[in-house]
């Protein structure tokens, strides 16, 4: 159940975090992570790189949930990995809004 719950809950929580993070910000403002790339007009590439990095890391941790055996003694590890995968995905919109 943990991998499936993470697959559903993590994107929903990331969307909620994105909405909450952008409520106080101007929608047309350039993200702070593009500060160095805006001079070369590479903000889109920088943004896509950050998004890709977060999605790949979260996806790798999520796949690791399927690799770990379903033994009772490993339940805490599986839940911890699910939380870490969710946090990595939720930090993406927070990082974009900052």
N, C-alpha and C. Protein backbone atom coordinates (compact mmCIF):
# COMPACT_ATOMS: atom_id res chain seq x y z
N UNK A 1 0.80 -1.19 0.00
CA UNK A 1 0.00 0.00 0.00
C UNK A 1 0.86 1.28 0.00
N UNK A 2 2.03 1.21 0.63
CA UNK A 2 2.86 2.41 0.76
C UNK A 2 3.27 2.99 -0.59
N UNK A 3 3.77 2.20 -1.56
CA UNK A 3 4.14 2.80 -2.85
C UNK A 3 2.94 3.40 -3.59
N UNK A 4 1.80 2.74 -3.52
CA UNK A 4 0.63 3.26 -4.23
C UNK A 4 0.11 4.54 -3.57
N UNK A 5 0.12 4.57 -2.25
CA UNK A 5 -0.29 5.78 -1.55
C UNK A 5 0.65 6.93 -1.87
N UNK A 6 1.94 6.64 -1.93
CA UNK A 6 2.93 7.66 -2.26
C UNK A 6 2.74 8.15 -3.69
N UNK A 7 2.44 7.25 -4.59
CA UNK A 7 2.23 7.61 -5.99
C UNK A 7 1.06 8.56 -6.16
N UNK A 8 0.04 8.43 -5.32
CA UNK A 8 -1.13 9.29 -5.40
C UNK A 8 -0.96 10.55 -4.55
N UNK A 9 -0.47 10.38 -3.32
CA UNK A 9 -0.43 11.48 -2.37
C UNK A 9 0.67 12.50 -2.68
N UNK A 10 1.83 12.06 -3.12
CA UNK A 10 2.95 12.98 -3.32
C UNK A 10 2.64 14.05 -4.37
N UNK A 11 2.12 13.71 -5.55
CA UNK A 11 1.80 14.77 -6.52
C UNK A 11 0.70 15.71 -6.04
N UNK A 12 -0.28 15.16 -5.31
CA UNK A 12 -1.35 16.01 -4.79
C UNK A 12 -0.79 17.01 -3.78
N UNK A 13 0.04 16.53 -2.89
CA UNK A 13 0.66 17.42 -1.90
C UNK A 13 1.57 18.44 -2.56
N UNK A 14 2.27 18.04 -3.62
CA UNK A 14 3.12 18.99 -4.35
C UNK A 14 2.28 20.08 -5.02
N UNK A 15 1.15 19.71 -5.57
CA UNK A 15 0.26 20.71 -6.18
C UNK A 15 -0.28 21.67 -5.13
N UNK A 16 -0.68 21.14 -3.98
CA UNK A 16 -1.18 22.00 -2.90
C UNK A 16 -0.07 22.94 -2.43
N UNK A 17 1.13 22.42 -2.29
CA UNK A 17 2.26 23.26 -1.88
C UNK A 17 2.54 24.33 -2.92
N UNK A 18 2.41 23.99 -4.19
CA UNK A 18 2.63 24.97 -5.25
C UNK A 18 1.60 26.08 -5.23
N UNK A 19 0.36 25.73 -4.99
CA UNK A 19 -0.70 26.74 -4.92
C UNK A 19 -0.47 27.64 -3.71
N UNK A 20 -0.16 27.04 -2.57
CA UNK A 20 0.06 27.84 -1.36
C UNK A 20 1.31 28.71 -1.49
N UNK A 21 2.35 28.20 -2.13
CA UNK A 21 3.58 28.97 -2.29
C UNK A 21 3.40 30.13 -3.25
N UNK A 22 2.53 29.97 -4.23
CA UNK A 22 2.36 31.02 -5.22
C UNK A 22 1.28 32.03 -4.84
N UNK A 23 0.54 31.79 -3.77
CA UNK A 23 -0.50 32.74 -3.38
C UNK A 23 0.06 34.11 -3.05
N UNK A 24 1.18 34.15 -2.36
CA UNK A 24 1.76 35.42 -1.96
C UNK A 24 2.69 36.02 -3.01
N UNK A 25 3.02 35.28 -4.04
CA UNK A 25 3.97 35.75 -5.05
C UNK A 25 3.25 36.25 -6.29
N UNK A 26 3.90 37.14 -6.99
CA UNK A 26 3.37 37.61 -8.26
C UNK A 26 3.60 36.53 -9.31
N UNK A 27 2.59 36.19 -10.08
CA UNK A 27 2.69 35.08 -11.04
C UNK A 27 3.64 35.38 -12.19
N UNK A 28 3.91 36.64 -12.46
CA UNK A 28 4.78 36.97 -13.58
C UNK A 28 6.24 37.13 -13.16
N UNK A 29 6.53 36.98 -11.89
CA UNK A 29 7.89 37.16 -11.39
C UNK A 29 8.76 35.98 -11.80
N UNK A 30 10.00 36.26 -12.15
CA UNK A 30 10.95 35.21 -12.51
C UNK A 30 11.42 34.51 -11.23
N UNK A 31 11.47 33.16 -11.22
CA UNK A 31 11.93 32.46 -10.02
C UNK A 31 13.37 32.84 -9.67
N UNK A 32 13.67 32.78 -8.38
CA UNK A 32 15.01 33.16 -7.91
C UNK A 32 16.08 32.22 -8.45
N UNK A 33 15.74 30.99 -8.76
CA UNK A 33 16.74 30.06 -9.27
C UNK A 33 17.19 30.42 -10.67
N UNK A 34 16.50 31.33 -11.33
CA UNK A 34 16.89 31.79 -12.67
C UNK A 34 17.75 33.03 -12.64
N UNK A 35 18.18 33.48 -11.47
CA UNK A 35 18.92 34.74 -11.36
C UNK A 35 20.19 34.72 -12.22
N UNK A 36 20.91 33.62 -12.23
CA UNK A 36 22.14 33.54 -13.02
C UNK A 36 21.86 33.29 -14.50
N UNK A 37 20.74 32.65 -14.80
CA UNK A 37 20.47 32.25 -16.17
C UNK A 37 19.68 33.28 -16.96
N UNK A 38 19.12 34.28 -16.29
CA UNK A 38 18.27 35.24 -16.99
C UNK A 38 19.08 36.10 -17.97
N UNK A 39 20.33 36.35 -17.69
CA UNK A 39 21.16 37.15 -18.60
C UNK A 39 21.37 36.44 -19.93
N UNK A 40 21.46 35.12 -19.90
CA UNK A 40 21.66 34.34 -21.13
C UNK A 40 20.36 33.83 -21.70
N UNK A 41 19.22 34.25 -21.13
CA UNK A 41 17.90 33.79 -21.55
C UNK A 41 17.80 32.26 -21.48
N UNK A 42 18.27 31.69 -20.37
CA UNK A 42 18.25 30.23 -20.18
C UNK A 42 17.41 29.84 -18.98
N UNK A 43 16.43 30.67 -18.63
CA UNK A 43 15.61 30.38 -17.45
C UNK A 43 14.77 29.11 -17.66
N UNK A 44 14.28 28.91 -18.86
CA UNK A 44 13.47 27.72 -19.13
C UNK A 44 14.29 26.45 -18.96
N UNK A 45 15.51 26.45 -19.46
CA UNK A 45 16.37 25.27 -19.32
C UNK A 45 16.73 25.02 -17.86
N UNK A 46 16.99 26.09 -17.12
CA UNK A 46 17.30 25.96 -15.70
C UNK A 46 16.10 25.41 -14.95
N UNK A 47 14.93 25.93 -15.23
CA UNK A 47 13.71 25.48 -14.57
C UNK A 47 13.44 24.02 -14.89
N UNK A 48 13.55 23.63 -16.14
CA UNK A 48 13.31 22.23 -16.52
C UNK A 48 14.35 21.30 -15.89
N UNK A 49 15.57 21.77 -15.74
CA UNK A 49 16.60 20.97 -15.07
C UNK A 49 16.27 20.73 -13.61
N UNK A 50 15.79 21.76 -12.94
CA UNK A 50 15.42 21.62 -11.53
C UNK A 50 14.21 20.69 -11.39
N UNK A 51 13.22 20.87 -12.25
CA UNK A 51 12.03 20.00 -12.22
C UNK A 51 12.45 18.56 -12.48
N UNK A 52 13.27 18.35 -13.49
CA UNK A 52 13.73 17.00 -13.82
C UNK A 52 14.49 16.36 -12.68
N UNK A 53 15.35 17.13 -12.03
CA UNK A 53 16.11 16.60 -10.91
C UNK A 53 15.22 16.14 -9.77
N UNK A 54 14.24 16.95 -9.41
CA UNK A 54 13.33 16.58 -8.33
C UNK A 54 12.49 15.36 -8.70
N UNK A 55 12.00 15.34 -9.92
CA UNK A 55 11.17 14.20 -10.35
C UNK A 55 11.98 12.91 -10.41
N UNK A 56 13.19 12.98 -10.92
CA UNK A 56 14.03 11.78 -11.00
C UNK A 56 14.40 11.26 -9.62
N UNK A 57 14.77 12.14 -8.72
CA UNK A 57 15.13 11.70 -7.36
C UNK A 57 13.92 11.10 -6.66
N UNK A 58 12.78 11.78 -6.75
CA UNK A 58 11.57 11.25 -6.13
C UNK A 58 11.15 9.93 -6.76
N UNK A 59 11.26 9.83 -8.07
CA UNK A 59 10.91 8.58 -8.76
C UNK A 59 11.85 7.43 -8.40
N UNK A 60 13.13 7.73 -8.25
CA UNK A 60 14.09 6.69 -7.86
C UNK A 60 13.80 6.18 -6.45
N UNK A 61 13.48 7.10 -5.55
CA UNK A 61 13.13 6.67 -4.19
C UNK A 61 11.84 5.87 -4.21
N UNK A 62 10.88 6.28 -5.03
CA UNK A 62 9.62 5.56 -5.13
C UNK A 62 9.85 4.15 -5.68
N UNK A 63 10.70 4.01 -6.68
CA UNK A 63 11.02 2.68 -7.20
C UNK A 63 11.73 1.82 -6.16
N UNK A 64 12.52 2.46 -5.32
CA UNK A 64 13.19 1.74 -4.24
C UNK A 64 12.17 1.15 -3.27
N UNK A 65 11.03 1.80 -3.13
CA UNK A 65 9.97 1.25 -2.28
C UNK A 65 9.50 -0.12 -2.77
N UNK A 66 9.51 -0.32 -4.08
CA UNK A 66 9.08 -1.60 -4.64
C UNK A 66 10.14 -2.68 -4.49
N UNK A 67 11.40 -2.27 -4.36
CA UNK A 67 12.51 -3.22 -4.25
C UNK A 67 12.63 -3.78 -2.83
N UNK A 68 12.33 -2.94 -1.85
CA UNK A 68 12.46 -3.38 -0.45
C UNK A 68 11.39 -4.43 -0.16
N UNK A 69 11.78 -5.54 0.46
CA UNK A 69 10.80 -6.60 0.76
C UNK A 69 9.67 -6.11 1.68
N UNK A 70 8.58 -6.84 1.67
CA UNK A 70 7.38 -6.46 2.40
C UNK A 70 7.39 -6.97 3.85
N UNK A 71 8.54 -7.30 4.39
CA UNK A 71 8.60 -7.83 5.74
C UNK A 71 8.19 -6.79 6.75
N UNK A 72 7.62 -7.26 7.85
CA UNK A 72 7.15 -6.34 8.90
C UNK A 72 8.29 -5.50 9.47
N UNK A 73 9.45 -6.07 9.62
CA UNK A 73 10.57 -5.34 10.21
C UNK A 73 11.05 -4.18 9.35
N UNK A 74 10.69 -4.17 8.07
CA UNK A 74 11.13 -3.11 7.17
C UNK A 74 10.04 -2.06 6.92
N UNK A 75 8.95 -2.16 7.65
CA UNK A 75 7.84 -1.22 7.46
C UNK A 75 8.28 0.21 7.75
N UNK A 76 9.04 0.41 8.81
CA UNK A 76 9.50 1.76 9.16
C UNK A 76 10.38 2.34 8.06
N UNK A 77 11.24 1.54 7.49
CA UNK A 77 12.10 2.00 6.40
C UNK A 77 11.27 2.38 5.19
N UNK A 78 10.27 1.59 4.88
CA UNK A 78 9.43 1.87 3.72
C UNK A 78 8.64 3.17 3.92
N UNK A 79 8.12 3.37 5.11
CA UNK A 79 7.38 4.61 5.39
C UNK A 79 8.32 5.81 5.35
N UNK A 80 9.51 5.65 5.88
CA UNK A 80 10.49 6.73 5.85
C UNK A 80 10.88 7.09 4.41
N UNK A 81 11.08 6.09 3.57
CA UNK A 81 11.39 6.35 2.16
C UNK A 81 10.21 7.03 1.45
N UNK A 82 9.00 6.63 1.79
CA UNK A 82 7.81 7.26 1.20
C UNK A 82 7.73 8.73 1.60
N UNK A 83 8.04 9.02 2.84
CA UNK A 83 8.02 10.41 3.30
C UNK A 83 9.11 11.21 2.60
N UNK A 84 10.29 10.63 2.45
CA UNK A 84 11.39 11.33 1.77
C UNK A 84 11.03 11.60 0.31
N UNK A 85 10.45 10.63 -0.37
CA UNK A 85 10.04 10.82 -1.77
C UNK A 85 8.99 11.93 -1.89
N UNK A 86 8.08 11.98 -0.94
CA UNK A 86 7.06 13.02 -0.94
C UNK A 86 7.67 14.39 -0.67
N UNK A 87 8.58 14.46 0.29
CA UNK A 87 9.22 15.74 0.62
C UNK A 87 10.03 16.27 -0.57
N UNK A 88 10.73 15.39 -1.25
CA UNK A 88 11.51 15.82 -2.43
C UNK A 88 10.59 16.42 -3.48
N UNK A 89 9.44 15.81 -3.68
CA UNK A 89 8.51 16.31 -4.69
C UNK A 89 7.82 17.59 -4.22
N UNK A 90 7.52 17.69 -2.94
CA UNK A 90 6.85 18.89 -2.41
C UNK A 90 7.80 20.08 -2.39
N UNK A 91 9.09 19.85 -2.22
CA UNK A 91 10.05 20.95 -2.20
C UNK A 91 10.22 21.60 -3.58
N UNK A 92 9.82 20.94 -4.62
CA UNK A 92 9.94 21.51 -5.96
C UNK A 92 9.15 22.80 -6.13
N UNK A 93 7.84 22.83 -5.87
CA UNK A 93 7.14 24.11 -6.03
C UNK A 93 7.57 25.15 -5.01
N UNK A 94 7.96 24.71 -3.84
CA UNK A 94 8.45 25.66 -2.84
C UNK A 94 9.73 26.32 -3.34
N UNK A 95 10.60 25.52 -3.92
CA UNK A 95 11.85 26.06 -4.47
C UNK A 95 11.59 26.96 -5.67
N UNK A 96 10.59 26.63 -6.46
CA UNK A 96 10.28 27.45 -7.63
C UNK A 96 9.66 28.80 -7.22
N UNK A 97 8.91 28.81 -6.13
CA UNK A 97 8.24 30.05 -5.70
C UNK A 97 9.19 30.97 -4.95
N UNK A 98 10.27 30.42 -4.44
CA UNK A 98 11.19 31.26 -3.65
C UNK A 98 11.98 32.20 -4.52
